[in-house]
Amino acid sequence: MADKSSEEIELDKRAAERAAAHKEMKLAVGTPAHHAAVKKHTLASEAHAKAVTIAQKAASRSRK
């Protein structure tokens, strides 16, 4: 099995952060911490989206 590229490692890290933030957000529904959890999830989702874009660009470069 080939080693993961730095882009793939970053993508996995961001996906895990996003999943954790999503779980935290769901648990915080109806509490004063919900707004902060939603913001954290939004930021994690944006970082994940950027990591996906970077990984896709890297994958297309490696195929050429």
PDB file of N, CA and C in Angstrom:
ATOM      1  N   MET A   1       0.840  -1.174   0.000  1.00  0.00           N
ATOM      2  CA  MET A   1       0.000   0.000   0.000  1.00  0.00           C
ATOM      3  C   MET A   1       0.889   1.243   0.000  1.00  0.00           C
ATOM      4  N   ALA A   2       0.563   2.195  -0.835  1.00  0.00           N
ATOM      5  CA  ALA A   2       1.372   3.399  -0.965  1.00  0.00           C
ATOM      6  C   ALA A   2       1.140   4.324   0.228  1.00  0.00           C
ATOM      7  N   ASP A   3       2.188   5.055   0.549  1.00  0.00           N
ATOM      8  CA  ASP A   3       2.064   6.052   1.616  1.00  0.00           C
ATOM      9  C   ASP A   3       1.133   7.161   1.157  1.00  0.00           C
ATOM     10  N   LYS A   4       0.472   7.769   2.122  1.00  0.00           N
ATOM     11  CA  LYS A   4      -0.430   8.869   1.799  1.00  0.00           C
ATOM     12  C   LYS A   4       0.382  10.124   1.525  1.00  0.00           C
ATOM     13  N   SER A   5      -0.111  10.916   0.589  1.00  0.00           N
ATOM     14  CA  SER A   5       0.523  12.201   0.312  1.00  0.00           C
ATOM     15  C   SER A   5       0.154  13.177   1.432  1.00  0.00           C
ATOM     16  N   SER A   6       0.873  14.277   1.482  1.00  0.00           N
ATOM     17  CA  SER A   6       0.581  15.272   2.514  1.00  0.00           C
ATOM     18  C   SER A   6      -0.828  15.850   2.329  1.00  0.00           C
ATOM     19  N   GLU A   7      -1.269  15.923   1.076  1.00  0.00           N
ATOM     20  CA  GLU A   7      -2.621  16.421   0.811  1.00  0.00           C
ATOM     21  C   GLU A   7      -3.673  15.464   1.350  1.00  0.00           C
ATOM     22  N   GLU A   8      -3.432  14.157   1.190  1.00  0.00           N
ATOM     23  CA  GLU A   8      -4.380  13.165   1.689  1.00  0.00           C
ATOM     24  C   GLU A   8      -4.410  13.144   3.214  1.00  0.00           C
ATOM     25  N   ILE A   9      -3.262  13.315   3.824  1.00  0.00           N
ATOM     26  CA  ILE A   9      -3.188  13.367   5.284  1.00  0.00           C
ATOM     27  C   ILE A   9      -3.960  14.579   5.799  1.00  0.00           C
ATOM     28  N   GLU A  10      -3.764  15.719   5.148  1.00  0.00           N
ATOM     29  CA  GLU A  10      -4.471  16.948   5.534  1.00  0.00           C
ATOM     30  C   GLU A  10      -5.975  16.772   5.354  1.00  0.00           C
ATOM     31  N   LEU A  11      -6.367  16.141   4.266  1.00  0.00           N
ATOM     32  CA  LEU A  11      -7.782  15.904   3.998  1.00  0.00           C
ATOM     33  C   LEU A  11      -8.399  15.027   5.091  1.00  0.00           C
ATOM     34  N   ASP A  12      -7.706  13.965   5.466  1.00  0.00           N
ATOM     35  CA  ASP A  12      -8.197  13.090   6.542  1.00  0.00           C
ATOM     36  C   ASP A  12      -8.318  13.850   7.859  1.00  0.00           C
ATOM     37  N   LYS A  13      -7.329  14.690   8.142  1.00  0.00           N
ATOM     38  CA  LYS A  13      -7.334  15.477   9.382  1.00  0.00           C
ATOM     39  C   LYS A  13      -8.533  16.430   9.406  1.00  0.00           C
ATOM     40  N   ARG A  14      -8.748  17.113   8.289  1.00  0.00           N
ATOM     41  CA  ARG A  14      -9.870  18.069   8.216  1.00  0.00           C
ATOM     42  C   ARG A  14     -11.217  17.358   8.276  1.00  0.00           C
ATOM     43  N   ALA A  15     -11.306  16.186   7.676  1.00  0.00           N
ATOM     44  CA  ALA A  15     -12.559  15.420   7.727  1.00  0.00           C
ATOM     45  C   ALA A  15     -12.861  14.998   9.166  1.00  0.00           C
ATOM     46  N   ALA A  16     -11.840  14.591   9.886  1.00  0.00           N
ATOM     47  CA  ALA A  16     -12.029  14.199  11.292  1.00  0.00           C
ATOM     48  C   ALA A  16     -12.448  15.395  12.138  1.00  0.00           C
ATOM     49  N   GLU A  17     -11.828  16.548  11.902  1.00  0.00           N
ATOM     50  CA  GLU A  17     -12.201  17.764  12.638  1.00  0.00           C
ATOM     51  C   GLU A  17     -13.648  18.145  12.346  1.00  0.00           C
ATOM     52  N   ARG A  18     -14.034  18.019  11.084  1.00  0.00           N
ATOM     53  CA  ARG A  18     -15.394  18.370  10.691  1.00  0.00           C
ATOM     54  C   ARG A  18     -16.399  17.428  11.353  1.00  0.00           C
ATOM     55  N   ALA A  19     -16.087  16.146  11.370  1.00  0.00           N
ATOM     56  CA  ALA A  19     -16.985  15.168  11.998  1.00  0.00           C
ATOM     57  C   ALA A  19     -17.127  15.424  13.497  1.00  0.00           C
ATOM     58  N   ALA A  20     -16.022  15.747  14.140  1.00  0.00           N
ATOM     59  CA  ALA A  20     -16.059  16.038  15.579  1.00  0.00           C
ATOM     60  C   ALA A  20     -16.884  17.294  15.854  1.00  0.00           C
ATOM     61  N   ALA A  21     -16.701  18.315  15.019  1.00  0.00           N
ATOM     62  CA  ALA A  21     -17.462  19.559  15.194  1.00  0.00           C
ATOM     63  C   ALA A  21     -18.948  19.316  14.951  1.00  0.00           C
ATOM     64  N   HIS A  22     -19.263  18.456  13.997  1.00  0.00           N
ATOM     65  CA  HIS A  22     -20.667  18.146  13.715  1.00  0.00           C
ATOM     66  C   HIS A  22     -21.309  17.452  14.914  1.00  0.00           C
ATOM     67  N   LYS A  23     -20.592  16.505  15.484  1.00  0.00           N
ATOM     68  CA  LYS A  23     -21.110  15.784  16.656  1.00  0.00           C
ATOM     69  C   LYS A  23     -21.311  16.751  17.825  1.00  0.00           C
ATOM     70  N   GLU A  24     -20.323  17.631  18.034  1.00  0.00           N
ATOM     71  CA  GLU A  24     -20.416  18.632  19.109  1.00  0.00           C
ATOM     72  C   GLU A  24     -21.623  19.537  18.887  1.00  0.00           C
ATOM     73  N   MET A  25     -21.837  19.942  17.630  1.00  0.00           N
ATOM     74  CA  MET A  25     -22.955  20.822  17.304  1.00  0.00           C
ATOM     75  C   MET A  25     -24.283  20.132  17.613  1.00  0.00           C
ATOM     76  N   LYS A  26     -24.399  18.863  17.232  1.00  0.00           N
ATOM     77  CA  LYS A  26     -25.640  18.128  17.487  1.00  0.00           C
ATOM     78  C   LYS A  26     -25.897  17.975  18.981  1.00  0.00           C
ATOM     79  N   LEU A  27     -24.834  17.750  19.755  1.00  0.00           N
ATOM     80  CA  LEU A  27     -24.992  17.582  21.202  1.00  0.00           C
ATOM     81  C   LEU A  27     -25.348  18.898  21.894  1.00  0.00           C
ATOM     82  N   ALA A  28     -24.994  20.019  21.274  1.00  0.00           N
ATOM     83  CA  ALA A  28     -25.210  21.322  21.901  1.00  0.00           C
ATOM     84  C   ALA A  28     -26.570  21.936  21.580  1.00  0.00           C
ATOM     85  N   VAL A  29     -27.374  21.270  20.781  1.00  0.00           N
ATOM     86  CA  VAL A  29     -28.686  21.816  20.417  1.00  0.00           C
ATOM     87  C   VAL A  29     -29.479  22.131  21.682  1.00  0.00           C
ATOM     88  N   GLY A  30     -30.009  23.327  21.721  1.00  0.00           N
ATOM     89  CA  GLY A  30     -30.831  23.742  22.855  1.00  0.00           C
ATOM     90  C   GLY A  30     -30.046  24.251  24.047  1.00  0.00           C
ATOM     91  N   THR A  31     -28.738  24.386  23.904  1.00  0.00           N
ATOM     92  CA  THR A  31     -27.913  24.903  24.997  1.00  0.00           C
ATOM     93  C   THR A  31     -27.295  26.227  24.569  1.00  0.00           C
ATOM     94  N   PRO A  32     -26.782  26.975  25.529  1.00  0.00           N
ATOM     95  CA  PRO A  32     -26.124  28.242  25.182  1.00  0.00           C
ATOM     96  C   PRO A  32     -24.872  28.050  24.300  1.00  0.00           C
ATOM     97  N   ALA A  33     -24.293  26.870  24.300  1.00  0.00           N
ATOM     98  CA  ALA A  33     -23.076  26.613  23.521  1.00  0.00           C
ATOM     99  C   ALA A  33     -23.372  26.287  22.063  1.00  0.00           C
ATOM    100  N   HIS A  34     -24.642  26.206  21.691  1.00  0.00           N
ATOM    101  CA  HIS A  34     -24.986  25.792  20.332  1.00  0.00           C
ATOM    102  C   HIS A  34     -24.447  26.756  19.280  1.00  0.00           C
ATOM    103  N   HIS A  35     -24.576  28.053  19.507  1.00  0.00           N
ATOM    104  CA  HIS A  35     -24.115  29.034  18.522  1.00  0.00           C
ATOM    105  C   HIS A  35     -22.614  28.873  18.253  1.00  0.00           C
ATOM    106  N   ALA A  36     -21.841  28.720  19.299  1.00  0.00           N
ATOM    107  CA  ALA A  36     -20.396  28.540  19.145  1.00  0.00           C
ATOM    108  C   ALA A  36     -20.082  27.235  18.415  1.00  0.00           C
ATOM    109  N   ALA A  37     -20.848  26.196  18.700  1.00  0.00           N
ATOM    110  CA  ALA A  37     -20.634  24.907  18.042  1.00  0.00           C
ATOM    111  C   ALA A  37     -20.963  24.983  16.558  1.00  0.00           C
ATOM    112  N   VAL A  38     -21.999  25.736  16.210  1.00  0.00           N
ATOM    113  CA  VAL A  38     -22.348  25.922  14.799  1.00  0.00           C
ATOM    114  C   VAL A  38     -21.226  26.664  14.082  1.00  0.00           C
ATOM    115  N   LYS A  39     -20.699  27.690  14.719  1.00  0.00           N
ATOM    116  CA  LYS A  39     -19.606  28.456  14.115  1.00  0.00           C
ATOM    117  C   LYS A  39     -18.369  27.560  13.922  1.00  0.00           C
ATOM    118  N   LYS A  40     -18.060  26.755  14.926  1.00  0.00           N
ATOM    119  CA  LYS A  40     -16.917  25.848  14.831  1.00  0.00           C
ATOM    120  C   LYS A  40     -17.118  24.852  13.689  1.00  0.00           C
ATOM    121  N   HIS A  41     -18.333  24.333  13.552  1.00  0.00           N
ATOM    122  CA  HIS A  41     -18.636  23.394  12.475  1.00  0.00           C
ATOM    123  C   HIS A  41     -18.513  24.072  11.110  1.00  0.00           C
ATOM    124  N   THR A  42     -18.979  25.305  11.006  1.00  0.00           N
ATOM    125  CA  THR A  42     -18.881  26.043   9.746  1.00  0.00           C
ATOM    126  C   THR A  42     -17.427  26.237   9.346  1.00  0.00           C
ATOM    127  N   LEU A  43     -16.596  26.631  10.295  1.00  0.00           N
ATOM    128  CA  LEU A  43     -15.175  26.823  10.004  1.00  0.00           C
ATOM    129  C   LEU A  43     -14.500  25.507   9.618  1.00  0.00           C
ATOM    130  N   ALA A  44     -14.862  24.435  10.305  1.00  0.00           N
ATOM    131  CA  ALA A  44     -14.290  23.121   9.987  1.00  0.00           C
ATOM    132  C   ALA A  44     -14.740  22.666   8.600  1.00  0.00           C
ATOM    133  N   SER A  45     -15.979  22.951   8.245  1.00  0.00           N
ATOM    134  CA  SER A  45     -16.483  22.586   6.918  1.00  0.00           C
ATOM    135  C   SER A  45     -15.764  23.357   5.823  1.00  0.00           C
ATOM    136  N   GLU A  46     -15.502  24.636   6.065  1.00  0.00           N
ATOM    137  CA  GLU A  46     -14.774  25.447   5.087  1.00  0.00           C
ATOM    138  C   GLU A  46     -13.342  24.945   4.921  1.00  0.00           C
ATOM    139  N   ALA A  47     -12.691  24.594   6.013  1.00  0.00           N
ATOM    140  CA  ALA A  47     -11.324  24.076   5.946  1.00  0.00           C
ATOM    141  C   ALA A  47     -11.302  22.734   5.219  1.00  0.00           C
ATOM    142  N   HIS A  48     -12.310  21.913   5.451  1.00  0.00           N
ATOM    143  CA  HIS A  48     -12.405  20.621   4.773  1.00  0.00           C
ATOM    144  C   HIS A  48     -12.595  20.834   3.269  1.00  0.00           C
ATOM    145  N   ALA A  49     -13.439  21.767   2.897  1.00  0.00           N
ATOM    146  CA  ALA A  49     -13.678  22.039   1.478  1.00  0.00           C
ATOM    147  C   ALA A  49     -12.389  22.495   0.787  1.00  0.00           C
ATOM    148  N   LYS A  50     -11.616  23.330   1.460  1.00  0.00           N
ATOM    149  CA  LYS A  50     -10.341  23.771   0.890  1.00  0.00           C
ATOM    150  C   LYS A  50      -9.375  22.592   0.747  1.00  0.00           C
ATOM    151  N   ALA A  51      -9.361  21.712   1.735  1.00  0.00           N
ATOM    152  CA  ALA A  51      -8.484  20.542   1.679  1.00  0.00           C
ATOM    153  C   ALA A  51      -8.889  19.614   0.536  1.00  0.00           C
ATOM    154  N   VAL A  52     -10.189  19.491   0.286  1.00  0.00           N
ATOM    155  CA  VAL A  52     -10.668  18.667  -0.830  1.00  0.00           C
ATOM    156  C   VAL A  52     -10.170  19.247  -2.145  1.00  0.00           C
ATOM    157  N   THR A  53     -10.288  20.551  -2.310  1.00  0.00           N
ATOM    158  CA  THR A  53      -9.841  21.214  -3.532  1.00  0.00           C
ATOM    159  C   THR A  53      -8.346  20.998  -3.750  1.00  0.00           C
ATOM    160  N   ILE A  54      -7.570  21.183  -2.707  1.00  0.00           N
ATOM    161  CA  ILE A  54      -6.112  21.004  -2.804  1.00  0.00           C
ATOM    162  C   ILE A  54      -5.763  19.564  -3.154  1.00  0.00           C
ATOM    163  N   ALA A  55      -6.440  18.618  -2.515  1.00  0.00           N
ATOM    164  CA  ALA A  55      -6.173  17.201  -2.791  1.00  0.00           C
ATOM    165  C   ALA A  55      -6.555  16.843  -4.223  1.00  0.00           C
ATOM    166  N   GLN A  56      -7.642  17.397  -4.723  1.00  0.00           N
ATOM    167  CA  GLN A  56      -8.051  17.125  -6.103  1.00  0.00           C
ATOM    168  C   GLN A  56      -7.045  17.691  -7.095  1.00  0.00           C
ATOM    169  N   LYS A  57      -6.549  18.895  -6.836  1.00  0.00           N
ATOM    170  CA  LYS A  57      -5.544  19.487  -7.706  1.00  0.00           C
ATOM    171  C   LYS A  57      -4.262  18.659  -7.692  1.00  0.00           C
ATOM    172  N   ALA A  58      -3.863  18.212  -6.520  1.00  0.00           N
ATOM    173  CA  ALA A  58      -2.650  17.396  -6.405  1.00  0.00           C
ATOM    174  C   ALA A  58      -2.819  16.067  -7.136  1.00  0.00           C
ATOM    175  N   ALA A  59      -3.998  15.482  -7.026  1.00  0.00           N
ATOM    176  CA  ALA A  59      -4.257  14.212  -7.704  1.00  0.00           C
ATOM    177  C   ALA A  59      -4.226  14.379  -9.215  1.00  0.00           C
ATOM    178  N   SER A  60      -4.778  15.478  -9.709  1.00  0.00           N
ATOM    179  CA  SER A  60      -4.764  15.693 -11.157  1.00  0.00           C
ATOM    180  C   SER A  60      -3.343  15.976 -11.654  1.00  0.00           C
ATOM    181  N   ARG A  61      -2.527  16.634 -10.846  1.00  0.00           N
ATOM    182  CA  ARG A  61      -1.124  16.876 -11.237  1.00  0.00           C
ATOM    183  C   ARG A  61      -0.344  15.566 -11.297  1.00  0.00           C
ATOM    184  N   SER A  62      -0.621  14.677 -10.359  1.00  0.00           N
ATOM    185  CA  SER A  62       0.134  13.418 -10.301  1.00  0.00           C
ATOM    186  C   SER A  62      -0.262  12.469 -11.436  1.00  0.00           C
ATOM    187  N   ARG A  63      -1.443  12.630 -12.001  1.00  0.00           N
ATOM    188  CA  ARG A  63      -1.880  11.782 -13.103  1.00  0.00           C
ATOM    189  C   ARG A  63      -1.263  12.192 -14.429  1.00  0.00           C
ATOM    190  N   LYS A  64      -0.774  13.412 -14.525  1.00  0.00           N
ATOM    191  CA  LYS A  64      -0.215  13.902 -15.794  1.00  0.00           C
ATOM    192  C   LYS A  64       1.155  13.373 -16.060  1.00  0.00           C
TER     193      LYS A  64
END
